[in-house]
Amino acid sequence: MQRLFIETEVMLYAFRKHIPTDCKTAKSIDRNDPWDKVAMFAKDDGFIELAEQLVQSKHQLLEDMH
């Protein structure tokens, strides 16, 4: 469970390095928003794969907790 969390955070911050500073997704990552909020902005900005990965990771973590 902890490994998935760390891998997702690493992926998120690596992605952040490659997107414009002024897009909603970048601002959300910079604020350290929850993954579902970052995913919402990512979808709006057209980063569909990122949004899907964040949602999938969140659901997997929640499933692993129960």
PDB file of N, CA and C in Angstrom:
ATOM      1  N   MET A   1       0.827  -1.192   0.000  1.00  0.00           N
ATOM      2  CA  MET A   1       0.000   0.000   0.000  1.00  0.00           C
ATOM      3  C   MET A   1       0.872   1.255   0.000  1.00  0.00           C
ATOM      4  N   GLN A   2       1.867   1.287   0.871  1.00  0.00           N
ATOM      5  CA  GLN A   2       2.737   2.459   0.955  1.00  0.00           C
ATOM      6  C   GLN A   2       3.516   2.631  -0.350  1.00  0.00           C
ATOM      7  N   ARG A   3       3.875   1.526  -0.980  1.00  0.00           N
ATOM      8  CA  ARG A   3       4.624   1.584  -2.232  1.00  0.00           C
ATOM      9  C   ARG A   3       3.794   2.271  -3.326  1.00  0.00           C
ATOM     10  N   LEU A   4       2.515   1.926  -3.431  1.00  0.00           N
ATOM     11  CA  LEU A   4       1.642   2.541  -4.428  1.00  0.00           C
ATOM     12  C   LEU A   4       1.528   4.041  -4.179  1.00  0.00           C
ATOM     13  N   PHE A   5       1.405   4.428  -2.930  1.00  0.00           N
ATOM     14  CA  PHE A   5       1.318   5.841  -2.591  1.00  0.00           C
ATOM     15  C   PHE A   5       2.576   6.585  -3.046  1.00  0.00           C
ATOM     16  N   ILE A   6       3.727   6.043  -2.707  1.00  0.00           N
ATOM     17  CA  ILE A   6       4.994   6.685  -3.063  1.00  0.00           C
ATOM     18  C   ILE A   6       5.170   6.734  -4.578  1.00  0.00           C
ATOM     19  N   GLU A   7       4.869   5.637  -5.262  1.00  0.00           N
ATOM     20  CA  GLU A   7       5.002   5.600  -6.718  1.00  0.00           C
ATOM     21  C   GLU A   7       4.086   6.627  -7.388  1.00  0.00           C
ATOM     22  N   THR A   8       2.884   6.781  -6.865  1.00  0.00           N
ATOM     23  CA  THR A   8       1.943   7.746  -7.431  1.00  0.00           C
ATOM     24  C   THR A   8       2.426   9.172  -7.195  1.00  0.00           C
ATOM     25  N   GLU A   9       2.930   9.442  -6.014  1.00  0.00           N
ATOM     26  CA  GLU A   9       3.457  10.778  -5.722  1.00  0.00           C
ATOM     27  C   GLU A   9       4.656  11.102  -6.617  1.00  0.00           C
ATOM     28  N   VAL A  10       5.539  10.135  -6.812  1.00  0.00           N
ATOM     29  CA  VAL A  10       6.701  10.340  -7.682  1.00  0.00           C
ATOM     30  C   VAL A  10       6.247  10.623  -9.111  1.00  0.00           C
ATOM     31  N   MET A  11       5.288   9.832  -9.602  1.00  0.00           N
ATOM     32  CA  MET A  11       4.753  10.030 -10.941  1.00  0.00           C
ATOM     33  C   MET A  11       4.125  11.417 -11.072  1.00  0.00           C
ATOM     34  N   LEU A  12       3.384  11.833 -10.065  1.00  0.00           N
ATOM     35  CA  LEU A  12       2.707  13.123 -10.083  1.00  0.00           C
ATOM     36  C   LEU A  12       3.704  14.274 -10.154  1.00  0.00           C
ATOM     37  N   TYR A  13       4.730  14.225  -9.332  1.00  0.00           N
ATOM     38  CA  TYR A  13       5.698  15.316  -9.313  1.00  0.00           C
ATOM     39  C   TYR A  13       6.622  15.293 -10.525  1.00  0.00           C
ATOM     40  N   ALA A  14       6.875  14.120 -11.089  1.00  0.00           N
ATOM     41  CA  ALA A  14       7.636  14.043 -12.343  1.00  0.00           C
ATOM     42  C   ALA A  14       6.810  14.661 -13.469  1.00  0.00           C
ATOM     43  N   PHE A  15       5.522  14.373 -13.479  1.00  0.00           N
ATOM     44  CA  PHE A  15       4.627  14.946 -14.487  1.00  0.00           C
ATOM     45  C   PHE A  15       4.603  16.460 -14.365  1.00  0.00           C
ATOM     46  N   ARG A  16       4.593  16.931 -13.146  1.00  0.00           N
ATOM     47  CA  ARG A  16       4.514  18.374 -12.876  1.00  0.00           C
ATOM     48  C   ARG A  16       5.644  19.135 -13.544  1.00  0.00           C
ATOM     49  N   LYS A  17       6.815  18.544 -13.610  1.00  0.00           N
ATOM     50  CA  LYS A  17       7.978  19.210 -14.188  1.00  0.00           C
ATOM     51  C   LYS A  17       7.799  19.521 -15.672  1.00  0.00           C
ATOM     52  N   HIS A  18       6.865  18.832 -16.328  1.00  0.00           N
ATOM     53  CA  HIS A  18       6.726  18.930 -17.777  1.00  0.00           C
ATOM     54  C   HIS A  18       5.484  19.674 -18.246  1.00  0.00           C
ATOM     55  N   ILE A  19       4.791  20.326 -17.327  1.00  0.00           N
ATOM     56  CA  ILE A  19       3.577  21.044 -17.723  1.00  0.00           C
ATOM     57  C   ILE A  19       3.730  22.531 -17.396  1.00  0.00           C
ATOM     58  N   PRO A  20       2.981  23.360 -18.108  1.00  0.00           N
ATOM     59  CA  PRO A  20       3.082  24.812 -17.867  1.00  0.00           C
ATOM     60  C   PRO A  20       2.695  25.187 -16.432  1.00  0.00           C
ATOM     61  N   THR A  21       3.402  26.136 -15.905  1.00  0.00           N
ATOM     62  CA  THR A  21       3.188  26.577 -14.520  1.00  0.00           C
ATOM     63  C   THR A  21       1.815  27.178 -14.288  1.00  0.00           C
ATOM     64  N   ASP A  22       1.233  27.753 -15.345  1.00  0.00           N
ATOM     65  CA  ASP A  22      -0.027  28.460 -15.166  1.00  0.00           C
ATOM     66  C   ASP A  22      -1.273  27.601 -15.390  1.00  0.00           C
ATOM     67  N   CYS A  23      -1.119  26.300 -15.692  1.00  0.00           N
ATOM     68  CA  CYS A  23      -2.311  25.469 -15.887  1.00  0.00           C
ATOM     69  C   CYS A  23      -2.880  25.047 -14.519  1.00  0.00           C
ATOM     70  N   LYS A  24      -4.147  24.719 -14.507  1.00  0.00           N
ATOM     71  CA  LYS A  24      -4.834  24.370 -13.260  1.00  0.00           C
ATOM     72  C   LYS A  24      -4.211  23.145 -12.587  1.00  0.00           C
ATOM     73  N   THR A  25      -3.775  22.197 -13.402  1.00  0.00           N
ATOM     74  CA  THR A  25      -3.177  20.980 -12.850  1.00  0.00           C
ATOM     75  C   THR A  25      -1.894  21.309 -12.099  1.00  0.00           C
ATOM     76  N   ALA A  26      -1.046  22.120 -12.686  1.00  0.00           N
ATOM     77  CA  ALA A  26       0.212  22.509 -12.035  1.00  0.00           C
ATOM     78  C   ALA A  26      -0.060  23.226 -10.719  1.00  0.00           C
ATOM     79  N   LYS A  27      -0.990  24.148 -10.750  1.00  0.00           N
ATOM     80  CA  LYS A  27      -1.323  24.886  -9.532  1.00  0.00           C
ATOM     81  C   LYS A  27      -1.866  23.957  -8.449  1.00  0.00           C
ATOM     82  N   SER A  28      -2.661  22.983  -8.850  1.00  0.00           N
ATOM     83  CA  SER A  28      -3.226  22.022  -7.901  1.00  0.00           C
ATOM     84  C   SER A  28      -2.130  21.152  -7.282  1.00  0.00           C
ATOM     85  N   ILE A  29      -1.205  20.689  -8.123  1.00  0.00           N
ATOM     86  CA  ILE A  29      -0.083  19.899  -7.610  1.00  0.00           C
ATOM     87  C   ILE A  29       0.760  20.746  -6.664  1.00  0.00           C
ATOM     88  N   ASP A  30       1.030  21.987  -7.054  1.00  0.00           N
ATOM     89  CA  ASP A  30       1.840  22.883  -6.226  1.00  0.00           C
ATOM     90  C   ASP A  30       1.190  23.149  -4.864  1.00  0.00           C
ATOM     91  N   ARG A  31      -0.130  23.141  -4.817  1.00  0.00           N
ATOM     92  CA  ARG A  31      -0.851  23.337  -3.544  1.00  0.00           C
ATOM     93  C   ARG A  31      -0.911  22.047  -2.735  1.00  0.00           C
ATOM     94  N   ASN A  32      -0.454  20.949  -3.354  1.00  0.00           N
ATOM     95  CA  ASN A  32      -0.514  19.631  -2.719  1.00  0.00           C
ATOM     96  C   ASN A  32      -1.964  19.220  -2.452  1.00  0.00           C
ATOM     97  N   ASP A  33      -2.830  19.506  -3.435  1.00  0.00           N
ATOM     98  CA  ASP A  33      -4.231  19.111  -3.342  1.00  0.00           C
ATOM     99  C   ASP A  33      -4.359  17.594  -3.320  1.00  0.00           C
ATOM    100  N   PRO A  34      -5.467  17.080  -2.798  1.00  0.00           N
ATOM    101  CA  PRO A  34      -5.725  15.634  -2.843  1.00  0.00           C
ATOM    102  C   PRO A  34      -5.771  15.153  -4.292  1.00  0.00           C
ATOM    103  N   TRP A  35      -5.463  13.880  -4.480  1.00  0.00           N
ATOM    104  CA  TRP A  35      -5.387  13.307  -5.820  1.00  0.00           C
ATOM    105  C   TRP A  35      -6.670  13.495  -6.612  1.00  0.00           C
ATOM    106  N   ASP A  36      -7.823  13.362  -5.971  1.00  0.00           N
ATOM    107  CA  ASP A  36      -9.067  13.491  -6.736  1.00  0.00           C
ATOM    108  C   ASP A  36      -9.259  14.912  -7.261  1.00  0.00           C
ATOM    109  N   LYS A  37      -8.792  15.896  -6.507  1.00  0.00           N
ATOM    110  CA  LYS A  37      -8.884  17.277  -6.966  1.00  0.00           C
ATOM    111  C   LYS A  37      -7.885  17.529  -8.106  1.00  0.00           C
ATOM    112  N   VAL A  38      -6.666  17.014  -7.964  1.00  0.00           N
ATOM    113  CA  VAL A  38      -5.685  17.125  -9.046  1.00  0.00           C
ATOM    114  C   VAL A  38      -6.232  16.443 -10.299  1.00  0.00           C
ATOM    115  N   ALA A  39      -6.856  15.285 -10.126  1.00  0.00           N
ATOM    116  CA  ALA A  39      -7.425  14.550 -11.257  1.00  0.00           C
ATOM    117  C   ALA A  39      -8.503  15.364 -11.964  1.00  0.00           C
ATOM    118  N   MET A  40      -9.311  16.059 -11.205  1.00  0.00           N
ATOM    119  CA  MET A  40     -10.362  16.883 -11.790  1.00  0.00           C
ATOM    120  C   MET A  40      -9.749  17.977 -12.675  1.00  0.00           C
ATOM    121  N   PHE A  41      -8.723  18.652 -12.164  1.00  0.00           N
ATOM    122  CA  PHE A  41      -8.060  19.688 -12.947  1.00  0.00           C
ATOM    123  C   PHE A  41      -7.316  19.089 -14.137  1.00  0.00           C
ATOM    124  N   ALA A  42      -6.705  17.937 -13.936  1.00  0.00           N
ATOM    125  CA  ALA A  42      -5.986  17.273 -15.028  1.00  0.00           C
ATOM    126  C   ALA A  42      -6.945  16.939 -16.174  1.00  0.00           C
ATOM    127  N   LYS A  43      -8.101  16.460 -15.819  1.00  0.00           N
ATOM    128  CA  LYS A  43      -9.100  16.144 -16.847  1.00  0.00           C
ATOM    129  C   LYS A  43      -9.510  17.416 -17.590  1.00  0.00           C
ATOM    130  N   ASP A  44      -9.755  18.480 -16.855  1.00  0.00           N
ATOM    131  CA  ASP A  44     -10.124  19.760 -17.465  1.00  0.00           C
ATOM    132  C   ASP A  44      -9.025  20.291 -18.397  1.00  0.00           C
ATOM    133  N   ASP A  45      -7.766  20.062 -18.008  1.00  0.00           N
ATOM    134  CA  ASP A  45      -6.631  20.531 -18.795  1.00  0.00           C
ATOM    135  C   ASP A  45      -6.278  19.586 -19.944  1.00  0.00           C
ATOM    136  N   GLY A  46      -6.972  18.452 -20.028  1.00  0.00           N
ATOM    137  CA  GLY A  46      -6.718  17.508 -21.112  1.00  0.00           C
ATOM    138  C   GLY A  46      -5.691  16.437 -20.802  1.00  0.00           C
ATOM    139  N   PHE A  47      -5.288  16.337 -19.548  1.00  0.00           N
ATOM    140  CA  PHE A  47      -4.330  15.308 -19.138  1.00  0.00           C
ATOM    141  C   PHE A  47      -5.101  14.078 -18.648  1.00  0.00           C
ATOM    142  N   ILE A  48      -5.792  13.448 -19.566  1.00  0.00           N
ATOM    143  CA  ILE A  48      -6.719  12.362 -19.240  1.00  0.00           C
ATOM    144  C   ILE A  48      -6.007  11.174 -18.585  1.00  0.00           C
ATOM    145  N   GLU A  49      -4.854  10.788 -19.118  1.00  0.00           N
ATOM    146  CA  GLU A  49      -4.139   9.636 -18.554  1.00  0.00           C
ATOM    147  C   GLU A  49      -3.717   9.896 -17.113  1.00  0.00           C
ATOM    148  N   LEU A  50      -3.266  11.102 -16.826  1.00  0.00           N
ATOM    149  CA  LEU A  50      -2.895  11.443 -15.455  1.00  0.00           C
ATOM    150  C   LEU A  50      -4.117  11.351 -14.551  1.00  0.00           C
ATOM    151  N   ALA A  51      -5.225  11.923 -14.991  1.00  0.00           N
ATOM    152  CA  ALA A  51      -6.447  11.889 -14.195  1.00  0.00           C
ATOM    153  C   ALA A  51      -6.866  10.453 -13.904  1.00  0.00           C
ATOM    154  N   GLU A  52      -6.829   9.602 -14.924  1.00  0.00           N
ATOM    155  CA  GLU A  52      -7.214   8.197 -14.743  1.00  0.00           C
ATOM    156  C   GLU A  52      -6.276   7.479 -13.786  1.00  0.00           C
ATOM    157  N   GLN A  53      -4.982   7.739 -13.888  1.00  0.00           N
ATOM    158  CA  GLN A  53      -4.011   7.089 -13.002  1.00  0.00           C
ATOM    159  C   GLN A  53      -4.227   7.505 -11.553  1.00  0.00           C
ATOM    160  N   LEU A  54      -4.502   8.779 -11.326  1.00  0.00           N
ATOM    161  CA  LEU A  54      -4.728   9.246  -9.957  1.00  0.00           C
ATOM    162  C   LEU A  54      -5.986   8.625  -9.357  1.00  0.00           C
ATOM    163  N   VAL A  55      -7.043   8.553 -10.141  1.00  0.00           N
ATOM    164  CA  VAL A  55      -8.288   7.941  -9.660  1.00  0.00           C
ATOM    165  C   VAL A  55      -8.062   6.461  -9.372  1.00  0.00           C
ATOM    166  N   GLN A  56      -7.368   5.789 -10.267  1.00  0.00           N
ATOM    167  CA  GLN A  56      -7.100   4.359 -10.086  1.00  0.00           C
ATOM    168  C   GLN A  56      -6.258   4.122  -8.825  1.00  0.00           C
ATOM    169  N   SER A  57      -5.236   4.931  -8.629  1.00  0.00           N
ATOM    170  CA  SER A  57      -4.394   4.777  -7.441  1.00  0.00           C
ATOM    171  C   SER A  57      -5.188   5.011  -6.168  1.00  0.00           C
ATOM    172  N   LYS A  58      -6.027   6.028  -6.169  1.00  0.00           N
ATOM    173  CA  LYS A  58      -6.837   6.316  -4.985  1.00  0.00           C
ATOM    174  C   LYS A  58      -7.768   5.149  -4.664  1.00  0.00           C
ATOM    175  N   HIS A  59      -8.439   4.634  -5.690  1.00  0.00           N
ATOM    176  CA  HIS A  59      -9.342   3.509  -5.459  1.00  0.00           C
ATOM    177  C   HIS A  59      -8.601   2.272  -4.976  1.00  0.00           C
ATOM    178  N   GLN A  60      -7.420   2.027  -5.527  1.00  0.00           N
ATOM    179  CA  GLN A  60      -6.633   0.869  -5.096  1.00  0.00           C
ATOM    180  C   GLN A  60      -6.214   1.011  -3.641  1.00  0.00           C
ATOM    181  N   LEU A  61      -5.792   2.196  -3.258  1.00  0.00           N
ATOM    182  CA  LEU A  61      -5.399   2.422  -1.863  1.00  0.00           C
ATOM    183  C   LEU A  61      -6.576   2.243  -0.914  1.00  0.00           C
ATOM    184  N   LEU A  62      -7.734   2.760  -1.303  1.00  0.00           N
ATOM    185  CA  LEU A  62      -8.925   2.602  -0.468  1.00  0.00           C
ATOM    186  C   LEU A  62      -9.331   1.138  -0.350  1.00  0.00           C
ATOM    187  N   GLU A  63      -9.221   0.424  -1.455  1.00  0.00           N
ATOM    188  CA  GLU A  63      -9.552  -1.001  -1.455  1.00  0.00           C
ATOM    189  C   GLU A  63      -8.583  -1.781  -0.557  1.00  0.00           C
ATOM    190  N   ASP A  64      -7.317  -1.448  -0.618  1.00  0.00           N
ATOM    191  CA  ASP A  64      -6.304  -2.127   0.192  1.00  0.00           C
ATOM    192  C   ASP A  64      -6.497  -1.864   1.676  1.00  0.00           C
ATOM    193  N   MET A  65      -7.100  -0.732   2.023  1.00  0.00           N
ATOM    194  CA  MET A  65      -7.316  -0.388   3.429  1.00  0.00           C
ATOM    195  C   MET A  65      -8.445  -1.196   4.065  1.00  0.00           C
ATOM    196  N   HIS A  66      -9.336  -1.725   3.225  1.00  0.00           N
ATOM    197  CA  HIS A  66     -10.500  -2.437   3.762  1.00  0.00           C
ATOM    198  C   HIS A  66     -10.338  -3.913   3.673  1.00  0.00           C
TER     199      HIS A  66
END
